[in-house]
Amino acid sequence: APGTIRGDFGVDIGRNVVHGSDSLETA
């Protein structure tokens, strides 16, 4: 969605700008 980091700055899945943990365990 617009307003998200990837929505505002990304186009290709392989250049999606950021990584973020998907769970507390992963974090």
mmCIF file of all heavy atoms, coordinates in Angstrom:
data_MODEL
# 
_entry.id   MODEL 
# 
loop_
_atom_site.group_PDB 
_atom_site.id 
_atom_site.type_symbol 
_atom_site.label_atom_id 
_atom_site.label_alt_id 
_atom_site.label_comp_id 
_atom_site.label_asym_id 
_atom_site.label_entity_id 
_atom_site.label_seq_id 
_atom_site.pdbx_PDB_ins_code 
_atom_site.Cartn_x 
_atom_site.Cartn_y 
_atom_site.Cartn_z 
_atom_site.occupancy 
_atom_site.B_iso_or_equiv 
_atom_site.pdbx_formal_charge 
_atom_site.auth_seq_id 
_atom_site.auth_comp_id 
_atom_site.auth_asym_id 
_atom_site.auth_atom_id 
_atom_site.pdbx_PDB_model_num 
ATOM 1   N N   . ALA A 1 1  ? 0.825  -1.203  0.000   1.00 0.00 ? 1  ALA A N   1 
ATOM 2   C CA  . ALA A 1 1  ? 0.000  0.000   0.000   1.00 0.00 ? 1  ALA A CA  1 
ATOM 3   C C   . ALA A 1 1  ? 0.866  1.262   0.000   1.00 0.00 ? 1  ALA A C   1 
ATOM 4   O O   . ALA A 1 1  ? 1.946  1.274   0.594   1.00 0.00 ? 1  ALA A O   1 
ATOM 5   C CB  . ALA A 1 1  ? -0.906 -0.006  1.226   1.00 0.00 ? 1  ALA A CB  1 
ATOM 6   N N   . PRO A 1 2  ? 0.395  2.321   -0.652  1.00 0.00 ? 2  PRO A N   1 
ATOM 7   C CA  . PRO A 1 2  ? 1.064  3.607   -0.513  1.00 0.00 ? 2  PRO A CA  1 
ATOM 8   C C   . PRO A 1 2  ? 1.121  3.977   0.971   1.00 0.00 ? 2  PRO A C   1 
ATOM 9   O O   . PRO A 1 2  ? 0.205  3.666   1.726   1.00 0.00 ? 2  PRO A O   1 
ATOM 10  C CB  . PRO A 1 2  ? 0.160  4.570   -1.283  1.00 0.00 ? 2  PRO A CB  1 
ATOM 11  C CG  . PRO A 1 2  ? -0.590 3.698   -2.237  1.00 0.00 ? 2  PRO A CG  1 
ATOM 12  C CD  . PRO A 1 2  ? -0.781 2.384   -1.519  1.00 0.00 ? 2  PRO A CD  1 
ATOM 13  N N   . GLY A 1 3  ? 2.203  4.603   1.359   1.00 0.00 ? 3  GLY A N   1 
ATOM 14  C CA  . GLY A 1 3  ? 2.391  4.943   2.766   1.00 0.00 ? 3  GLY A CA  1 
ATOM 15  C C   . GLY A 1 3  ? 3.294  3.966   3.487   1.00 0.00 ? 3  GLY A C   1 
ATOM 16  O O   . GLY A 1 3  ? 3.852  4.290   4.524   1.00 0.00 ? 3  GLY A O   1 
ATOM 17  N N   . THR A 1 4  ? 3.465  2.768   2.920   1.00 0.00 ? 4  THR A N   1 
ATOM 18  C CA  . THR A 1 4  ? 4.434  1.830   3.475   1.00 0.00 ? 4  THR A CA  1 
ATOM 19  C C   . THR A 1 4  ? 5.789  2.109   2.827   1.00 0.00 ? 4  THR A C   1 
ATOM 20  O O   . THR A 1 4  ? 5.870  2.732   1.764   1.00 0.00 ? 4  THR A O   1 
ATOM 21  C CB  . THR A 1 4  ? 4.039  0.360   3.218   1.00 0.00 ? 4  THR A CB  1 
ATOM 22  O OG1 . THR A 1 4  ? 4.065  0.107   1.807   1.00 0.00 ? 4  THR A OG1 1 
ATOM 23  C CG2 . THR A 1 4  ? 2.646  0.043   3.774   1.00 0.00 ? 4  THR A CG2 1 
ATOM 24  N N   . ILE A 1 5  ? 6.837  1.653   3.460   1.00 0.00 ? 5  ILE A N   1 
ATOM 25  C CA  . ILE A 1 5  ? 8.182  1.902   2.921   1.00 0.00 ? 5  ILE A CA  1 
ATOM 26  C C   . ILE A 1 5  ? 8.334  1.262   1.551   1.00 0.00 ? 5  ILE A C   1 
ATOM 27  O O   . ILE A 1 5  ? 8.770  1.915   0.594   1.00 0.00 ? 5  ILE A O   1 
ATOM 28  C CB  . ILE A 1 5  ? 9.253  1.418   3.915   1.00 0.00 ? 5  ILE A CB  1 
ATOM 29  C CG1 . ILE A 1 5  ? 9.220  2.308   5.172   1.00 0.00 ? 5  ILE A CG1 1 
ATOM 30  C CG2 . ILE A 1 5  ? 10.643 1.421   3.277   1.00 0.00 ? 5  ILE A CG2 1 
ATOM 31  C CD1 . ILE A 1 5  ? 10.002 1.773   6.350   1.00 0.00 ? 5  ILE A CD1 1 
ATOM 32  N N   . ARG A 1 6  ? 7.952  0.001   1.431   1.00 0.00 ? 6  ARG A N   1 
ATOM 33  C CA  . ARG A 1 6  ? 8.077  -0.663  0.129   1.00 0.00 ? 6  ARG A CA  1 
ATOM 34  C C   . ARG A 1 6  ? 7.084  -0.113  -0.882  1.00 0.00 ? 6  ARG A C   1 
ATOM 35  O O   . ARG A 1 6  ? 7.390  -0.017  -2.079  1.00 0.00 ? 6  ARG A O   1 
ATOM 36  C CB  . ARG A 1 6  ? 7.899  -2.170  0.296   1.00 0.00 ? 6  ARG A CB  1 
ATOM 37  C CG  . ARG A 1 6  ? 9.054  -2.812  1.045   1.00 0.00 ? 6  ARG A CG  1 
ATOM 38  C CD  . ARG A 1 6  ? 8.773  -4.265  1.323   1.00 0.00 ? 6  ARG A CD  1 
ATOM 39  N NE  . ARG A 1 6  ? 9.896  -4.932  1.961   1.00 0.00 ? 6  ARG A NE  1 
ATOM 40  C CZ  . ARG A 1 6  ? 9.761  -5.985  2.762   1.00 0.00 ? 6  ARG A CZ  1 
ATOM 41  N NH1 . ARG A 1 6  ? 8.572  -6.493  2.998   1.00 0.00 ? 6  ARG A NH1 1 
ATOM 42  N NH2 . ARG A 1 6  ? 10.826 -6.539  3.300   1.00 0.00 ? 6  ARG A NH2 1 
ATOM 43  N N   . GLY A 1 7  ? 5.896  0.269   -0.442  1.00 0.00 ? 7  GLY A N   1 
ATOM 44  C CA  . GLY A 1 7  ? 4.898  0.855   -1.331  1.00 0.00 ? 7  GLY A CA  1 
ATOM 45  C C   . GLY A 1 7  ? 5.323  2.201   -1.867  1.00 0.00 ? 7  GLY A C   1 
ATOM 46  O O   . GLY A 1 7  ? 4.987  2.570   -2.992  1.00 0.00 ? 7  GLY A O   1 
ATOM 47  N N   . ASP A 1 8  ? 6.069  2.940   -1.071  1.00 0.00 ? 8  ASP A N   1 
ATOM 48  C CA  . ASP A 1 8  ? 6.513  4.270   -1.499  1.00 0.00 ? 8  ASP A CA  1 
ATOM 49  C C   . ASP A 1 8  ? 7.823  4.244   -2.281  1.00 0.00 ? 8  ASP A C   1 
ATOM 50  O O   . ASP A 1 8  ? 8.053  5.124   -3.113  1.00 0.00 ? 8  ASP A O   1 
ATOM 51  C CB  . ASP A 1 8  ? 6.696  5.191   -0.285  1.00 0.00 ? 8  ASP A CB  1 
ATOM 52  C CG  . ASP A 1 8  ? 5.374  5.594   0.344   1.00 0.00 ? 8  ASP A CG  1 
ATOM 53  O OD1 . ASP A 1 8  ? 4.312  5.344   -0.251  1.00 0.00 ? 8  ASP A OD1 1 
ATOM 54  O OD2 . ASP A 1 8  ? 5.417  6.159   1.456   1.00 0.00 ? 8  ASP A OD2 1 
ATOM 55  N N   . PHE A 1 9  ? 8.687  3.257   -2.016  1.00 0.00 ? 9  PHE A N   1 
ATOM 56  C CA  . PHE A 1 9  ? 10.037 3.302   -2.580  1.00 0.00 ? 9  PHE A CA  1 
ATOM 57  C C   . PHE A 1 9  ? 10.426 2.095   -3.425  1.00 0.00 ? 9  PHE A C   1 
ATOM 58  O O   . PHE A 1 9  ? 11.509 2.091   -3.989  1.00 0.00 ? 9  PHE A O   1 
ATOM 59  C CB  . PHE A 1 9  ? 11.075 3.478   -1.465  1.00 0.00 ? 9  PHE A CB  1 
ATOM 60  C CG  . PHE A 1 9  ? 10.853 4.710   -0.639  1.00 0.00 ? 9  PHE A CG  1 
ATOM 61  C CD1 . PHE A 1 9  ? 10.536 4.619   0.700   1.00 0.00 ? 9  PHE A CD1 1 
ATOM 62  C CD2 . PHE A 1 9  ? 10.951 5.975   -1.215  1.00 0.00 ? 9  PHE A CD2 1 
ATOM 63  C CE1 . PHE A 1 9  ? 10.328 5.753   1.462   1.00 0.00 ? 9  PHE A CE1 1 
ATOM 64  C CE2 . PHE A 1 9  ? 10.741 7.116   -0.454  1.00 0.00 ? 9  PHE A CE2 1 
ATOM 65  C CZ  . PHE A 1 9  ? 10.425 7.002   0.887   1.00 0.00 ? 9  PHE A CZ  1 
ATOM 66  N N   . GLY A 1 10 ? 9.591  1.081   -3.520  1.00 0.00 ? 10 GLY A N   1 
ATOM 67  C CA  . GLY A 1 10 ? 9.981  -0.127  -4.243  1.00 0.00 ? 10 GLY A CA  1 
ATOM 68  C C   . GLY A 1 10 ? 9.143  -0.392  -5.467  1.00 0.00 ? 10 GLY A C   1 
ATOM 69  O O   . GLY A 1 10 ? 8.015  0.075   -5.585  1.00 0.00 ? 10 GLY A O   1 
ATOM 70  N N   . VAL A 1 11 ? 9.707  -1.176  -6.385  1.00 0.00 ? 11 VAL A N   1 
ATOM 71  C CA  . VAL A 1 11 ? 8.990  -1.641  -7.570  1.00 0.00 ? 11 VAL A CA  1 
ATOM 72  C C   . VAL A 1 11 ? 9.212  -3.140  -7.733  1.00 0.00 ? 11 VAL A C   1 
ATOM 73  O O   . VAL A 1 11 ? 8.268  -3.901  -7.831  1.00 0.00 ? 11 VAL A O   1 
ATOM 74  C CB  . VAL A 1 11 ? 9.443  -0.883  -8.852  1.00 0.00 ? 11 VAL A CB  1 
ATOM 75  C CG1 . VAL A 1 11 ? 8.756  -1.456  -10.079 1.00 0.00 ? 11 VAL A CG1 1 
ATOM 76  C CG2 . VAL A 1 11 ? 9.147  0.604   -8.733  1.00 0.00 ? 11 VAL A CG2 1 
ATOM 77  N N   . ASP A 1 12 ? 10.470 -3.578  -7.752  1.00 0.00 ? 12 ASP A N   1 
ATOM 78  C CA  . ASP A 1 12 ? 10.799 -4.988  -7.937  1.00 0.00 ? 12 ASP A CA  1 
ATOM 79  C C   . ASP A 1 12 ? 10.978 -5.695  -6.599  1.00 0.00 ? 12 ASP A C   1 
ATOM 80  O O   . ASP A 1 12 ? 11.555 -5.121  -5.661  1.00 0.00 ? 12 ASP A O   1 
ATOM 81  C CB  . ASP A 1 12 ? 12.096 -5.141  -8.745  1.00 0.00 ? 12 ASP A CB  1 
ATOM 82  C CG  . ASP A 1 12 ? 11.878 -4.988  -10.230 1.00 0.00 ? 12 ASP A CG  1 
ATOM 83  O OD1 . ASP A 1 12 ? 10.758 -5.257  -10.708 1.00 0.00 ? 12 ASP A OD1 1 
ATOM 84  O OD2 . ASP A 1 12 ? 12.837 -4.610  -10.926 1.00 0.00 ? 12 ASP A OD2 1 
ATOM 85  N N   . ILE A 1 13 ? 10.551 -6.946  -6.534  1.00 0.00 ? 13 ILE A N   1 
ATOM 86  C CA  . ILE A 1 13 ? 10.660 -7.727  -5.305  1.00 0.00 ? 13 ILE A CA  1 
ATOM 87  C C   . ILE A 1 13 ? 12.119 -7.901  -4.881  1.00 0.00 ? 13 ILE A C   1 
ATOM 88  O O   . ILE A 1 13 ? 12.427 -7.931  -3.692  1.00 0.00 ? 13 ILE A O   1 
ATOM 89  C CB  . ILE A 1 13 ? 9.939  -9.092  -5.449  1.00 0.00 ? 13 ILE A CB  1 
ATOM 90  C CG1 . ILE A 1 13 ? 9.722  -9.727  -4.080  1.00 0.00 ? 13 ILE A CG1 1 
ATOM 91  C CG2 . ILE A 1 13 ? 10.685 -10.013 -6.398  1.00 0.00 ? 13 ILE A CG2 1 
ATOM 92  C CD1 . ILE A 1 13 ? 8.760  -10.899 -4.107  1.00 0.00 ? 13 ILE A CD1 1 
ATOM 93  N N   . GLY A 1 14 ? 13.029 -7.965  -5.840  1.00 0.00 ? 14 GLY A N   1 
ATOM 94  C CA  . GLY A 1 14 ? 14.447 -8.125  -5.537  1.00 0.00 ? 14 GLY A CA  1 
ATOM 95  C C   . GLY A 1 14 ? 15.141 -6.838  -5.133  1.00 0.00 ? 14 GLY A C   1 
ATOM 96  O O   . GLY A 1 14 ? 16.323 -6.840  -4.809  1.00 0.00 ? 14 GLY A O   1 
ATOM 97  N N   . ARG A 1 15 ? 14.422 -5.737  -5.152  1.00 0.00 ? 15 ARG A N   1 
ATOM 98  C CA  . ARG A 1 15 ? 14.950 -4.436  -4.732  1.00 0.00 ? 15 ARG A CA  1 
ATOM 99  C C   . ARG A 1 15 ? 13.881 -3.760  -3.868  1.00 0.00 ? 15 ARG A C   1 
ATOM 100 O O   . ARG A 1 15 ? 13.389 -2.691  -4.170  1.00 0.00 ? 15 ARG A O   1 
ATOM 101 C CB  . ARG A 1 15 ? 15.292 -3.544  -5.936  1.00 0.00 ? 15 ARG A CB  1 
ATOM 102 C CG  . ARG A 1 15 ? 16.342 -4.105  -6.867  1.00 0.00 ? 15 ARG A CG  1 
ATOM 103 C CD  . ARG A 1 15 ? 17.723 -4.170  -6.215  1.00 0.00 ? 15 ARG A CD  1 
ATOM 104 N NE  . ARG A 1 15 ? 18.737 -4.644  -7.138  1.00 0.00 ? 15 ARG A NE  1 
ATOM 105 C CZ  . ARG A 1 15 ? 19.048 -5.926  -7.322  1.00 0.00 ? 15 ARG A CZ  1 
ATOM 106 N NH1 . ARG A 1 15 ? 18.420 -6.873  -6.659  1.00 0.00 ? 15 ARG A NH1 1 
ATOM 107 N NH2 . ARG A 1 15 ? 20.004 -6.263  -8.167  1.00 0.00 ? 15 ARG A NH2 1 
ATOM 108 N N   . ASN A 1 16 ? 13.543 -4.433  -2.769  1.00 0.00 ? 16 ASN A N   1 
ATOM 109 C CA  . ASN A 1 16 ? 12.440 -3.940  -1.940  1.00 0.00 ? 16 ASN A CA  1 
ATOM 110 C C   . ASN A 1 16 ? 12.902 -3.141  -0.721  1.00 0.00 ? 16 ASN A C   1 
ATOM 111 O O   . ASN A 1 16 ? 12.172 -2.980  0.241   1.00 0.00 ? 16 ASN A O   1 
ATOM 112 C CB  . ASN A 1 16 ? 11.487 -5.070  -1.554  1.00 0.00 ? 16 ASN A CB  1 
ATOM 113 C CG  . ASN A 1 16 ? 12.123 -6.120  -0.673  1.00 0.00 ? 16 ASN A CG  1 
ATOM 114 O OD1 . ASN A 1 16 ? 13.270 -5.999  -0.247  1.00 0.00 ? 16 ASN A OD1 1 
ATOM 115 N ND2 . ASN A 1 16 ? 11.366 -7.160  -0.380  1.00 0.00 ? 16 ASN A ND2 1 
ATOM 116 N N   . VAL A 1 17 ? 14.132 -2.657  -0.737  1.00 0.00 ? 17 VAL A N   1 
ATOM 117 C CA  . VAL A 1 17 ? 14.670 -1.623  0.145   1.00 0.00 ? 17 VAL A CA  1 
ATOM 118 C C   . VAL A 1 17 ? 14.976 -2.074  1.568   1.00 0.00 ? 17 VAL A C   1 
ATOM 119 O O   . VAL A 1 17 ? 15.986 -1.681  2.130   1.00 0.00 ? 17 VAL A O   1 
ATOM 120 C CB  . VAL A 1 17 ? 13.742 -0.374  0.167   1.00 0.00 ? 17 VAL A CB  1 
ATOM 121 C CG1 . VAL A 1 17 ? 14.297 0.728   1.043   1.00 0.00 ? 17 VAL A CG1 1 
ATOM 122 C CG2 . VAL A 1 17 ? 13.467 0.127   -1.229  1.00 0.00 ? 17 VAL A CG2 1 
ATOM 123 N N   . VAL A 1 18 ? 14.108 -2.884  2.181   1.00 0.00 ? 18 VAL A N   1 
ATOM 124 C CA  . VAL A 1 18 ? 14.264 -3.220  3.601   1.00 0.00 ? 18 VAL A CA  1 
ATOM 125 C C   . VAL A 1 18 ? 13.933 -4.681  3.880   1.00 0.00 ? 18 VAL A C   1 
ATOM 126 O O   . VAL A 1 18 ? 13.196 -5.322  3.139   1.00 0.00 ? 18 VAL A O   1 
ATOM 127 C CB  . VAL A 1 18 ? 13.362 -2.342  4.495   1.00 0.00 ? 18 VAL A CB  1 
ATOM 128 C CG1 . VAL A 1 18 ? 13.868 -0.934  4.601   1.00 0.00 ? 18 VAL A CG1 1 
ATOM 129 C CG2 . VAL A 1 18 ? 11.933 -2.355  4.015   1.00 0.00 ? 18 VAL A CG2 1 
ATOM 130 N N   . HIS A 1 19 ? 14.479 -5.143  4.998   1.00 0.00 ? 19 HIS A N   1 
ATOM 131 C CA  . HIS A 1 19 ? 14.118 -6.449  5.551   1.00 0.00 ? 19 HIS A CA  1 
ATOM 132 C C   . HIS A 1 19 ? 13.596 -6.202  6.953   1.00 0.00 ? 19 HIS A C   1 
ATOM 133 O O   . HIS A 1 19 ? 14.101 -5.331  7.661   1.00 0.00 ? 19 HIS A O   1 
ATOM 134 C CB  . HIS A 1 19 ? 15.346 -7.366  5.632   1.00 0.00 ? 19 HIS A CB  1 
ATOM 135 C CG  . HIS A 1 19 ? 15.111 -8.557  6.510   1.00 0.00 ? 19 HIS A CG  1 
ATOM 136 N ND1 . HIS A 1 19 ? 14.529 -9.709  6.051   1.00 0.00 ? 19 HIS A ND1 1 
ATOM 137 C CD2 . HIS A 1 19 ? 15.345 -8.739  7.837   1.00 0.00 ? 19 HIS A CD2 1 
ATOM 138 C CE1 . HIS A 1 19 ? 14.432 -10.567 7.061   1.00 0.00 ? 19 HIS A CE1 1 
ATOM 139 N NE2 . HIS A 1 19 ? 14.913 -10.004 8.151   1.00 0.00 ? 19 HIS A NE2 1 
ATOM 140 N N   . GLY A 1 20 ? 12.603 -6.966  7.367   1.00 0.00 ? 20 GLY A N   1 
ATOM 141 C CA  . GLY A 1 20 ? 12.110 -6.887  8.737   1.00 0.00 ? 20 GLY A CA  1 
ATOM 142 C C   . GLY A 1 20 ? 11.734 -8.251  9.254   1.00 0.00 ? 20 GLY A C   1 
ATOM 143 O O   . GLY A 1 20 ? 11.210 -9.086  8.510   1.00 0.00 ? 20 GLY A O   1 
ATOM 144 N N   . SER A 1 21 ? 12.005 -8.492  10.512  1.00 0.00 ? 21 SER A N   1 
ATOM 145 C CA  . SER A 1 21 ? 11.657 -9.764  11.140  1.00 0.00 ? 21 SER A CA  1 
ATOM 146 C C   . SER A 1 21 ? 10.162 -10.015 11.033  1.00 0.00 ? 21 SER A C   1 
ATOM 147 O O   . SER A 1 21 ? 9.352  -9.100  11.175  1.00 0.00 ? 21 SER A O   1 
ATOM 148 C CB  . SER A 1 21 ? 12.049 -9.748  12.618  1.00 0.00 ? 21 SER A CB  1 
ATOM 149 O OG  . SER A 1 21 ? 13.427 -9.537  12.776  1.00 0.00 ? 21 SER A OG  1 
ATOM 150 N N   . ASP A 1 22 ? 9.792  -11.286 10.801  1.00 0.00 ? 22 ASP A N   1 
ATOM 151 C CA  . ASP A 1 22 ? 8.379  -11.627 10.632  1.00 0.00 ? 22 ASP A CA  1 
ATOM 152 C C   . ASP A 1 22 ? 7.737  -12.212 11.884  1.00 0.00 ? 22 ASP A C   1 
ATOM 153 O O   . ASP A 1 22 ? 6.545  -12.480 11.901  1.00 0.00 ? 22 ASP A O   1 
ATOM 154 C CB  . ASP A 1 22 ? 8.181  -12.550 9.437   1.00 0.00 ? 22 ASP A CB  1 
ATOM 155 C CG  . ASP A 1 22 ? 8.931  -13.872 9.577   1.00 0.00 ? 22 ASP A CG  1 
ATOM 156 O OD1 . ASP A 1 22 ? 9.547  -14.127 10.625  1.00 0.00 ? 22 ASP A OD1 1 
ATOM 157 O OD2 . ASP A 1 22 ? 8.893  -14.658 8.612   1.00 0.00 ? 22 ASP A OD2 1 
ATOM 158 N N   . SER A 1 23 ? 8.525  -12.443 12.938  1.00 0.00 ? 23 SER A N   1 
ATOM 159 C CA  . SER A 1 23 ? 7.981  -12.960 14.194  1.00 0.00 ? 23 SER A CA  1 
ATOM 160 C C   . SER A 1 23 ? 8.950  -12.597 15.317  1.00 0.00 ? 23 SER A C   1 
ATOM 161 O O   . SER A 1 23 ? 10.108 -12.245 15.063  1.00 0.00 ? 23 SER A O   1 
ATOM 162 C CB  . SER A 1 23 ? 7.805  -14.482 14.135  1.00 0.00 ? 23 SER A CB  1 
ATOM 163 O OG  . SER A 1 23 ? 9.074  -15.121 14.128  1.00 0.00 ? 23 SER A OG  1 
ATOM 164 N N   . LEU A 1 24 ? 8.479  -12.711 16.533  1.00 0.00 ? 24 LEU A N   1 
ATOM 165 C CA  . LEU A 1 24 ? 9.337  -12.428 17.680  1.00 0.00 ? 24 LEU A CA  1 
ATOM 166 C C   . LEU A 1 24 ? 10.514 -13.395 17.729  1.00 0.00 ? 24 LEU A C   1 
ATOM 167 O O   . LEU A 1 24 ? 11.648 -12.995 18.004  1.00 0.00 ? 24 LEU A O   1 
ATOM 168 C CB  . LEU A 1 24 ? 8.519  -12.500 18.972  1.00 0.00 ? 24 LEU A CB  1 
ATOM 169 C CG  . LEU A 1 24 ? 9.185  -12.001 20.236  1.00 0.00 ? 24 LEU A CG  1 
ATOM 170 C CD1 . LEU A 1 24 ? 9.735  -10.603 20.070  1.00 0.00 ? 24 LEU A CD1 1 
ATOM 171 C CD2 . LEU A 1 24 ? 8.214  -12.060 21.400  1.00 0.00 ? 24 LEU A CD2 1 
ATOM 172 N N   . GLU A 1 25 ? 10.271 -14.663 17.417  1.00 0.00 ? 25 GLU A N   1 
ATOM 173 C CA  . GLU A 1 25 ? 11.336 -15.668 17.415  1.00 0.00 ? 25 GLU A CA  1 
ATOM 174 C C   . GLU A 1 25 ? 12.386 -15.346 16.354  1.00 0.00 ? 25 GLU A C   1 
ATOM 175 O O   . GLU A 1 25 ? 13.585 -15.446 16.603  1.00 0.00 ? 25 GLU A O   1 
ATOM 176 C CB  . GLU A 1 25 ? 10.763 -17.074 17.191  1.00 0.00 ? 25 GLU A CB  1 
ATOM 177 C CG  . GLU A 1 25 ? 9.840  -17.550 18.282  1.00 0.00 ? 25 GLU A CG  1 
ATOM 178 C CD  . GLU A 1 25 ? 8.437  -16.941 18.247  1.00 0.00 ? 25 GLU A CD  1 
ATOM 179 O OE1 . GLU A 1 25 ? 7.999  -16.458 17.171  1.00 0.00 ? 25 GLU A OE1 1 
ATOM 180 O OE2 . GLU A 1 25 ? 7.790  -16.930 19.311  1.00 0.00 ? 25 GLU A OE2 1 
ATOM 181 N N   . THR A 1 26 ? 11.931 -14.969 15.171  1.00 0.00 ? 26 THR A N   1 
ATOM 182 C CA  . THR A 1 26 ? 12.853 -14.595 14.099  1.00 0.00 ? 26 THR A CA  1 
ATOM 183 C C   . THR A 1 26 ? 13.643 -13.352 14.491  1.00 0.00 ? 26 THR A C   1 
ATOM 184 O O   . THR A 1 26 ? 14.850 -13.268 14.255  1.00 0.00 ? 26 THR A O   1 
ATOM 185 C CB  . THR A 1 26 ? 12.091 -14.352 12.782  1.00 0.00 ? 26 THR A CB  1 
ATOM 186 O OG1 . THR A 1 26 ? 11.389 -15.546 12.426  1.00 0.00 ? 26 THR A OG1 1 
ATOM 187 C CG2 . THR A 1 26 ? 13.031 -13.977 11.654  1.00 0.00 ? 26 THR A CG2 1 
ATOM 188 N N   . ALA A 1 27 ? 12.973 -12.394 15.112  1.00 0.00 ? 27 ALA A N   1 
ATOM 189 C CA  . ALA A 1 27 ? 13.652 -11.162 15.542  1.00 0.00 ? 27 ALA A CA  1 
ATOM 190 C C   . ALA A 1 27 ? 14.773 -11.484 16.521  1.00 0.00 ? 27 ALA A C   1 
ATOM 191 O O   . ALA A 1 27 ? 15.887 -10.972 16.381  1.00 0.00 ? 27 ALA A O   1 
ATOM 192 C CB  . ALA A 1 27 ? 12.649 -10.202 16.177  1.00 0.00 ? 27 ALA A CB  1 
# 
